[in-house]
């Protein structure tokens, strides 16, 4: 019996998913919303230890990252075309860009203007303005319900945060036809990273 034709985009996404399951990007939990749909991913961010975000489990939100913008020439944006989306980008590089954004938020081009104003006030006051940190702590507490519902243990130490764990893969009988994909793709893909010792300006304790 002939095997179903698998679109190249699905093969590429499956390769990325497999790579992220075998070598996760520290601080992220990546799953499929539905095992039969490779185009619909759910990404959760764990709050880094030793920051105000520690213990957080963030599943939703908007980010403003240059590499997600269409590769058009837009002088008003202040971005070079080379900084925008191109075919070399993948899920892993996007996740690493999110980590970079958390470390060094660009308050001059924010997705959330109110948050950028609060962040600047907090930073300029050297932590004396508490509105920013108070909201973060409330949000962190609010994410505990999501973590409990998903059965997720949120890392609270660097050792837990940077541990490399193998995420569960769908059953052989799932709609993804994993065995078919892997036969064509097994010979490709490797990657690595760690959040490590970088300082997080957006959430470290006051200086």
C-alpha atoms as a PDB file:
ATOM      1  CA  UNK A   1       0.000   0.000   0.000  1.00  0.00           C
ATOM      2  CA  UNK A   2       1.414   3.400  -0.977  1.00  0.00           C
ATOM      3  CA  UNK A   3       2.389   5.700   1.831  1.00  0.00           C
ATOM      4  CA  UNK A   4       0.671   9.086   2.016  1.00  0.00           C
ATOM      5  CA  UNK A   5       2.669  11.974   0.585  1.00  0.00           C
ATOM      6  CA  UNK A   6       4.015  14.171   3.369  1.00  0.00           C
ATOM      7  CA  UNK A   7       4.432  17.906   2.618  1.00  0.00           C
ATOM      8  CA  UNK A   8       8.040  19.104   2.945  1.00  0.00           C
ATOM      9  CA  UNK A   9       6.917  21.735   5.466  1.00  0.00           C
ATOM     10  CA  UNK A  10       5.622  18.994   7.777  1.00  0.00           C
ATOM     11  CA  UNK A  11       8.842  17.023   7.429  1.00  0.00           C
ATOM     12  CA  UNK A  12      10.834  20.137   8.351  1.00  0.00           C
ATOM     13  CA  UNK A  13       8.610  20.886  11.344  1.00  0.00           C
ATOM     14  CA  UNK A  14       8.790  17.306  12.565  1.00  0.00           C
ATOM     15  CA  UNK A  15      12.575  17.417  12.370  1.00  0.00           C
ATOM     16  CA  UNK A  16      12.549  20.592  14.462  1.00  0.00           C
ATOM     17  CA  UNK A  17      10.134  19.105  16.985  1.00  0.00           C
ATOM     18  CA  UNK A  18      12.251  15.962  17.321  1.00  0.00           C
ATOM     19  CA  UNK A  19      15.395  18.063  17.765  1.00  0.00           C
ATOM     20  CA  UNK A  20      13.754  20.194  20.457  1.00  0.00           C
ATOM     21  CA  UNK A  21      12.520  17.091  22.280  1.00  0.00           C
ATOM     22  CA  UNK A  22      15.986  15.507  22.273  1.00  0.00           C
ATOM     23  CA  UNK A  23      17.913  18.740  22.955  1.00  0.00           C
ATOM     24  CA  UNK A  24      15.460  21.207  24.533  1.00  0.00           C
ATOM     25  CA  UNK A  25      16.094  24.927  24.698  1.00  0.00           C
ATOM     26  CA  UNK A  26      16.518  25.599  28.406  1.00  0.00           C
ATOM     27  CA  UNK A  27      13.642  27.515  29.958  1.00  0.00           C
ATOM     28  CA  UNK A  28      11.035  26.410  27.427  1.00  0.00           C
ATOM     29  CA  UNK A  29       8.417  23.676  27.184  1.00  0.00           C
ATOM     30  CA  UNK A  30       7.426  22.892  23.605  1.00  0.00           C
ATOM     31  CA  UNK A  31       4.470  20.659  22.738  1.00  0.00           C
ATOM     32  CA  UNK A  32       1.881  20.274  20.005  1.00  0.00           C
ATOM     33  CA  UNK A  33      -1.634  21.479  20.763  1.00  0.00           C
ATOM     34  CA  UNK A  34      -2.905  18.478  18.797  1.00  0.00           C
ATOM     35  CA  UNK A  35      -0.627  15.540  17.937  1.00  0.00           C
ATOM     36  CA  UNK A  36      -2.131  15.413  14.465  1.00  0.00           C
ATOM     37  CA  UNK A  37      -1.365  19.055  13.625  1.00  0.00           C
ATOM     38  CA  UNK A  38       2.289  20.020  13.162  1.00  0.00           C
ATOM     39  CA  UNK A  39       1.348  23.611  12.391  1.00  0.00           C
ATOM     40  CA  UNK A  40      -0.080  24.391  15.823  1.00  0.00           C
ATOM     41  CA  UNK A  41       2.525  24.491  18.618  1.00  0.00           C
ATOM     42  CA  UNK A  42       2.210  25.458  22.255  1.00  0.00           C
ATOM     43  CA  UNK A  43       5.285  27.081  23.780  1.00  0.00           C
ATOM     44  CA  UNK A  44       5.582  27.838  27.484  1.00  0.00           C
ATOM     45  CA  UNK A  45       8.362  29.907  29.051  1.00  0.00           C
ATOM     46  CA  UNK A  46       9.650  29.130  32.538  1.00  0.00           C
ATOM     47  CA  UNK A  47      10.631  32.140  34.624  1.00  0.00           C
ATOM     48  CA  UNK A  48      14.435  32.085  35.120  1.00  0.00           C
ATOM     49  CA  UNK A  49      15.613  31.385  38.703  1.00  0.00           C
ATOM     50  CA  UNK A  50      17.004  34.309  40.700  1.00  0.00           C
ATOM     51  CA  UNK A  51      14.777  36.795  38.873  1.00  0.00           C
ATOM     52  CA  UNK A  52      11.355  38.246  39.634  1.00  0.00           C
ATOM     53  CA  UNK A  53       9.963  35.741  37.110  1.00  0.00           C
ATOM     54  CA  UNK A  54      11.159  32.712  39.107  1.00  0.00           C
ATOM     55  CA  UNK A  55       8.424  30.080  39.374  1.00  0.00           C
ATOM     56  CA  UNK A  56       6.469  31.502  36.438  1.00  0.00           C
ATOM     57  CA  UNK A  57       4.941  29.372  33.676  1.00  0.00           C
ATOM     58  CA  UNK A  58       3.980  31.672  30.821  1.00  0.00           C
ATOM     59  CA  UNK A  59       1.960  30.170  27.932  1.00  0.00           C
ATOM     60  CA  UNK A  60       0.493  33.229  26.236  1.00  0.00           C
ATOM     61  CA  UNK A  61       1.511  36.651  25.152  1.00  0.00           C
ATOM     62  CA  UNK A  62       2.803  38.713  22.268  1.00  0.00           C
ATOM     63  CA  UNK A  63       6.425  39.321  21.365  1.00  0.00           C
ATOM     64  CA  UNK A  64       7.886  41.873  19.005  1.00  0.00           C
ATOM     65  CA  UNK A  65      11.007  40.339  17.428  1.00  0.00           C
ATOM     66  CA  UNK A  66      12.558  41.506  14.169  1.00  0.00           C
ATOM     67  CA  UNK A  67      13.071  37.983  12.811  1.00  0.00           C
ATOM     68  CA  UNK A  68       9.304  37.384  12.909  1.00  0.00           C
ATOM     69  CA  UNK A  69       8.576  40.398  10.711  1.00  0.00           C
ATOM     70  CA  UNK A  70       8.060  39.916   6.955  1.00  0.00           C
ATOM     71  CA  UNK A  71      11.284  40.415   4.945  1.00  0.00           C
ATOM     72  CA  UNK A  72      10.271  43.712   3.345  1.00  0.00           C
ATOM     73  CA  UNK A  73      12.074  47.022   3.201  1.00  0.00           C
ATOM     74  CA  UNK A  74      10.391  49.300   5.769  1.00  0.00           C
ATOM     75  CA  UNK A  75      12.603  52.326   6.582  1.00  0.00           C
ATOM     76  CA  UNK A  76      10.140  53.585   9.217  1.00  0.00           C
ATOM     77  CA  UNK A  77      10.602  50.463  11.349  1.00  0.00           C
ATOM     78  CA  UNK A  78      14.303  51.123  11.906  1.00  0.00           C
ATOM     79  CA  UNK A  79      15.011  47.484  10.983  1.00  0.00           C
ATOM     80  CA  UNK A  80      17.285  46.310   8.208  1.00  0.00           C
ATOM     81  CA  UNK A  81      15.825  43.708   5.805  1.00  0.00           C
ATOM     82  CA  UNK A  82      18.636  41.375   6.938  1.00  0.00           C
ATOM     83  CA  UNK A  83      17.264  41.507  10.504  1.00  0.00           C
ATOM     84  CA  UNK A  84      13.851  40.227   9.438  1.00  0.00           C
ATOM     85  CA  UNK A  85      12.548  36.767   8.615  1.00  0.00           C
ATOM     86  CA  UNK A  86      14.581  34.586   6.280  1.00  0.00           C
ATOM     87  CA  UNK A  87      14.574  30.841   5.498  1.00  0.00           C
ATOM     88  CA  UNK A  88      17.530  30.133   7.804  1.00  0.00           C
ATOM     89  CA  UNK A  89      15.385  30.885  10.860  1.00  0.00           C
ATOM     90  CA  UNK A  90      13.705  28.016  12.695  1.00  0.00           C
ATOM     91  CA  UNK A  91      11.828  27.370  15.915  1.00  0.00           C
ATOM     92  CA  UNK A  92      15.058  27.035  17.911  1.00  0.00           C
ATOM     93  CA  UNK A  93      16.478  30.369  16.722  1.00  0.00           C
ATOM     94  CA  UNK A  94      13.162  32.053  17.496  1.00  0.00           C
ATOM     95  CA  UNK A  95      13.160  30.644  21.042  1.00  0.00           C
ATOM     96  CA  UNK A  96      16.736  31.821  21.535  1.00  0.00           C
ATOM     97  CA  UNK A  97      15.671  35.270  20.317  1.00  0.00           C
ATOM     98  CA  UNK A  98      12.920  35.294  22.961  1.00  0.00           C
ATOM     99  CA  UNK A  99      15.539  34.544  25.626  1.00  0.00           C
ATOM    100  CA  UNK A 100      17.622  37.415  24.264  1.00  0.00           C
ATOM    101  CA  UNK A 101      14.562  39.664  24.396  1.00  0.00           C
ATOM    102  CA  UNK A 102      13.974  38.750  28.043  1.00  0.00           C
ATOM    103  CA  UNK A 103      17.607  39.550  28.845  1.00  0.00           C
ATOM    104  CA  UNK A 104      17.628  42.852  26.976  1.00  0.00           C
ATOM    105  CA  UNK A 105      14.137  44.155  26.205  1.00  0.00           C
ATOM    106  CA  UNK A 106      14.012  46.862  23.532  1.00  0.00           C
ATOM    107  CA  UNK A 107      11.836  49.491  25.186  1.00  0.00           C
ATOM    108  CA  UNK A 108      12.030  51.729  22.120  1.00  0.00           C
ATOM    109  CA  UNK A 109       9.986  49.293  20.002  1.00  0.00           C
ATOM    110  CA  UNK A 110       7.682  47.543  22.490  1.00  0.00           C
ATOM    111  CA  UNK A 111       4.729  45.266  21.792  1.00  0.00           C
ATOM    112  CA  UNK A 112       3.299  46.501  25.124  1.00  0.00           C
ATOM    113  CA  UNK A 113       3.875  50.251  25.578  1.00  0.00           C
ATOM    114  CA  UNK A 114       2.600  50.333  29.185  1.00  0.00           C
ATOM    115  CA  UNK A 115       4.979  47.543  30.187  1.00  0.00           C
ATOM    116  CA  UNK A 116       7.934  49.326  28.568  1.00  0.00           C
ATOM    117  CA  UNK A 117       7.137  52.525  30.473  1.00  0.00           C
ATOM    118  CA  UNK A 118       6.907  50.613  33.767  1.00  0.00           C
ATOM    119  CA  UNK A 119      10.155  48.796  33.026  1.00  0.00           C
ATOM    120  CA  UNK A 120      12.009  52.040  32.287  1.00  0.00           C
ATOM    121  CA  UNK A 121      10.662  53.626  35.478  1.00  0.00           C
ATOM    122  CA  UNK A 122      11.800  50.598  37.496  1.00  0.00           C
ATOM    123  CA  UNK A 123      15.253  50.620  35.938  1.00  0.00           C
ATOM    124  CA  UNK A 124      15.774  54.379  36.194  1.00  0.00           C
ATOM    125  CA  UNK A 125      14.662  54.354  39.854  1.00  0.00           C
ATOM    126  CA  UNK A 126      17.111  51.486  40.580  1.00  0.00           C
ATOM    127  CA  UNK A 127      14.239  49.334  41.809  1.00  0.00           C
ATOM    128  CA  UNK A 128      12.520  51.916  44.004  1.00  0.00           C
ATOM    129  CA  UNK A 129       9.498  52.141  41.719  1.00  0.00           C
ATOM    130  CA  UNK A 130       7.702  48.874  42.547  1.00  0.00           C
ATOM    131  CA  UNK A 131       4.829  48.877  40.020  1.00  0.00           C
ATOM    132  CA  UNK A 132       6.764  46.739  37.514  1.00  0.00           C
ATOM    133  CA  UNK A 133       7.899  44.105  40.009  1.00  0.00           C
ATOM    134  CA  UNK A 134       4.562  43.960  41.820  1.00  0.00           C
ATOM    135  CA  UNK A 135       2.757  43.143  38.558  1.00  0.00           C
ATOM    136  CA  UNK A 136       5.335  40.460  37.685  1.00  0.00           C
ATOM    137  CA  UNK A 137       4.900  38.768  41.055  1.00  0.00           C
ATOM    138  CA  UNK A 138       1.108  38.736  40.659  1.00  0.00           C
ATOM    139  CA  UNK A 139       1.464  37.256  37.185  1.00  0.00           C
ATOM    140  CA  UNK A 140       3.855  34.571  38.429  1.00  0.00           C
ATOM    141  CA  UNK A 141       1.385  33.545  41.129  1.00  0.00           C
ATOM    142  CA  UNK A 142      -1.400  33.480  38.545  1.00  0.00           C
ATOM    143  CA  UNK A 143       0.509  30.996  36.362  1.00  0.00           C
ATOM    144  CA  UNK A 144       0.574  28.327  39.081  1.00  0.00           C
ATOM    145  CA  UNK A 145      -2.941  27.264  38.106  1.00  0.00           C
ATOM    146  CA  UNK A 146      -1.830  26.611  34.498  1.00  0.00           C
ATOM    147  CA  UNK A 147       1.207  24.629  35.654  1.00  0.00           C
ATOM    148  CA  UNK A 148      -0.892  22.458  37.983  1.00  0.00           C
ATOM    149  CA  UNK A 149      -3.500  21.859  35.276  1.00  0.00           C
ATOM    150  CA  UNK A 150      -0.796  20.804  32.780  1.00  0.00           C
ATOM    151  CA  UNK A 151       0.987  18.637  35.359  1.00  0.00           C
ATOM    152  CA  UNK A 152       4.179  20.661  34.910  1.00  0.00           C
ATOM    153  CA  UNK A 153       6.840  21.059  37.593  1.00  0.00           C
ATOM    154  CA  UNK A 154       8.244  24.550  37.125  1.00  0.00           C
ATOM    155  CA  UNK A 155      12.032  24.753  37.670  1.00  0.00           C
ATOM    156  CA  UNK A 156      13.092  27.050  40.509  1.00  0.00           C
ATOM    157  CA  UNK A 157      16.860  26.381  40.578  1.00  0.00           C
ATOM    158  CA  UNK A 158      19.487  26.799  37.865  1.00  0.00           C
ATOM    159  CA  UNK A 159      20.213  23.065  38.025  1.00  0.00           C
ATOM    160  CA  UNK A 160      16.558  22.295  37.212  1.00  0.00           C
ATOM    161  CA  UNK A 161      16.283  25.130  34.702  1.00  0.00           C
ATOM    162  CA  UNK A 162      19.270  24.023  32.614  1.00  0.00           C
ATOM    163  CA  UNK A 163      18.682  20.271  32.826  1.00  0.00           C
ATOM    164  CA  UNK A 164      18.286  18.578  29.460  1.00  0.00           C
ATOM    165  CA  UNK A 165      15.275  16.298  29.514  1.00  0.00           C
ATOM    166  CA  UNK A 166      13.772  14.213  26.765  1.00  0.00           C
ATOM    167  CA  UNK A 167      10.201  15.326  26.154  1.00  0.00           C
ATOM    168  CA  UNK A 168       7.521  12.701  25.501  1.00  0.00           C
ATOM    169  CA  UNK A 169       6.805  11.879  21.857  1.00  0.00           C
ATOM    170  CA  UNK A 170       3.429  10.843  20.467  1.00  0.00           C
ATOM    171  CA  UNK A 171       2.508   7.167  20.327  1.00  0.00           C
ATOM    172  CA  UNK A 172       3.394   5.166  17.226  1.00  0.00           C
ATOM    173  CA  UNK A 173      -0.274   5.129  16.345  1.00  0.00           C
ATOM    174  CA  UNK A 174      -0.635   8.908  16.317  1.00  0.00           C
ATOM    175  CA  UNK A 175      -1.765  10.760  13.213  1.00  0.00           C
ATOM    176  CA  UNK A 176       1.733  12.144  12.679  1.00  0.00           C
ATOM    177  CA  UNK A 177       3.099   8.939  11.115  1.00  0.00           C
ATOM    178  CA  UNK A 178       6.380   9.423  12.976  1.00  0.00           C
ATOM    179  CA  UNK A 179       7.970   6.329  11.493  1.00  0.00           C
ATOM    180  CA  UNK A 180       7.399   7.619   7.958  1.00  0.00           C
ATOM    181  CA  UNK A 181       8.893  10.999   8.729  1.00  0.00           C
ATOM    182  CA  UNK A 182      11.929   9.642  10.501  1.00  0.00           C
ATOM    183  CA  UNK A 183      12.944   7.338   7.664  1.00  0.00           C
ATOM    184  CA  UNK A 184      13.426  10.383   5.419  1.00  0.00           C
ATOM    185  CA  UNK A 185      14.763  12.732   8.066  1.00  0.00           C
ATOM    186  CA  UNK A 186      16.918  10.686  10.449  1.00  0.00           C
ATOM    187  CA  UNK A 187      20.117  11.782   8.750  1.00  0.00           C
ATOM    188  CA  UNK A 188      19.622  15.525   9.499  1.00  0.00           C
ATOM    189  CA  UNK A 189      19.798  18.012  12.397  1.00  0.00           C
ATOM    190  CA  UNK A 190      21.806  18.792  15.598  1.00  0.00           C
ATOM    191  CA  UNK A 191      21.806  21.768  18.038  1.00  0.00           C
ATOM    192  CA  UNK A 192      22.633  23.038  21.550  1.00  0.00           C
ATOM    193  CA  UNK A 193      22.308  26.040  23.946  1.00  0.00           C
ATOM    194  CA  UNK A 194      22.131  27.163  27.570  1.00  0.00           C
ATOM    195  CA  UNK A 195      20.759  30.206  29.304  1.00  0.00           C
ATOM    196  CA  UNK A 196      23.552  29.756  31.835  1.00  0.00           C
ATOM    197  CA  UNK A 197      25.072  32.686  33.667  1.00  0.00           C
ATOM    198  CA  UNK A 198      23.708  35.578  31.575  1.00  0.00           C
ATOM    199  CA  UNK A 199      22.266  38.336  33.723  1.00  0.00           C
ATOM    200  CA  UNK A 200      18.616  39.171  33.248  1.00  0.00           C
ATOM    201  CA  UNK A 201      18.235  42.939  33.338  1.00  0.00           C
ATOM    202  CA  UNK A 202      14.464  42.638  33.110  1.00  0.00           C
ATOM    203  CA  UNK A 203      14.055  40.698  36.334  1.00  0.00           C
ATOM    204  CA  UNK A 204      17.125  40.617  38.540  1.00  0.00           C
ATOM    205  CA  UNK A 205      17.000  41.912  42.062  1.00  0.00           C
ATOM    206  CA  UNK A 206      17.605  45.587  42.560  1.00  0.00           C
ATOM    207  CA  UNK A 207      21.160  46.840  42.542  1.00  0.00           C
END
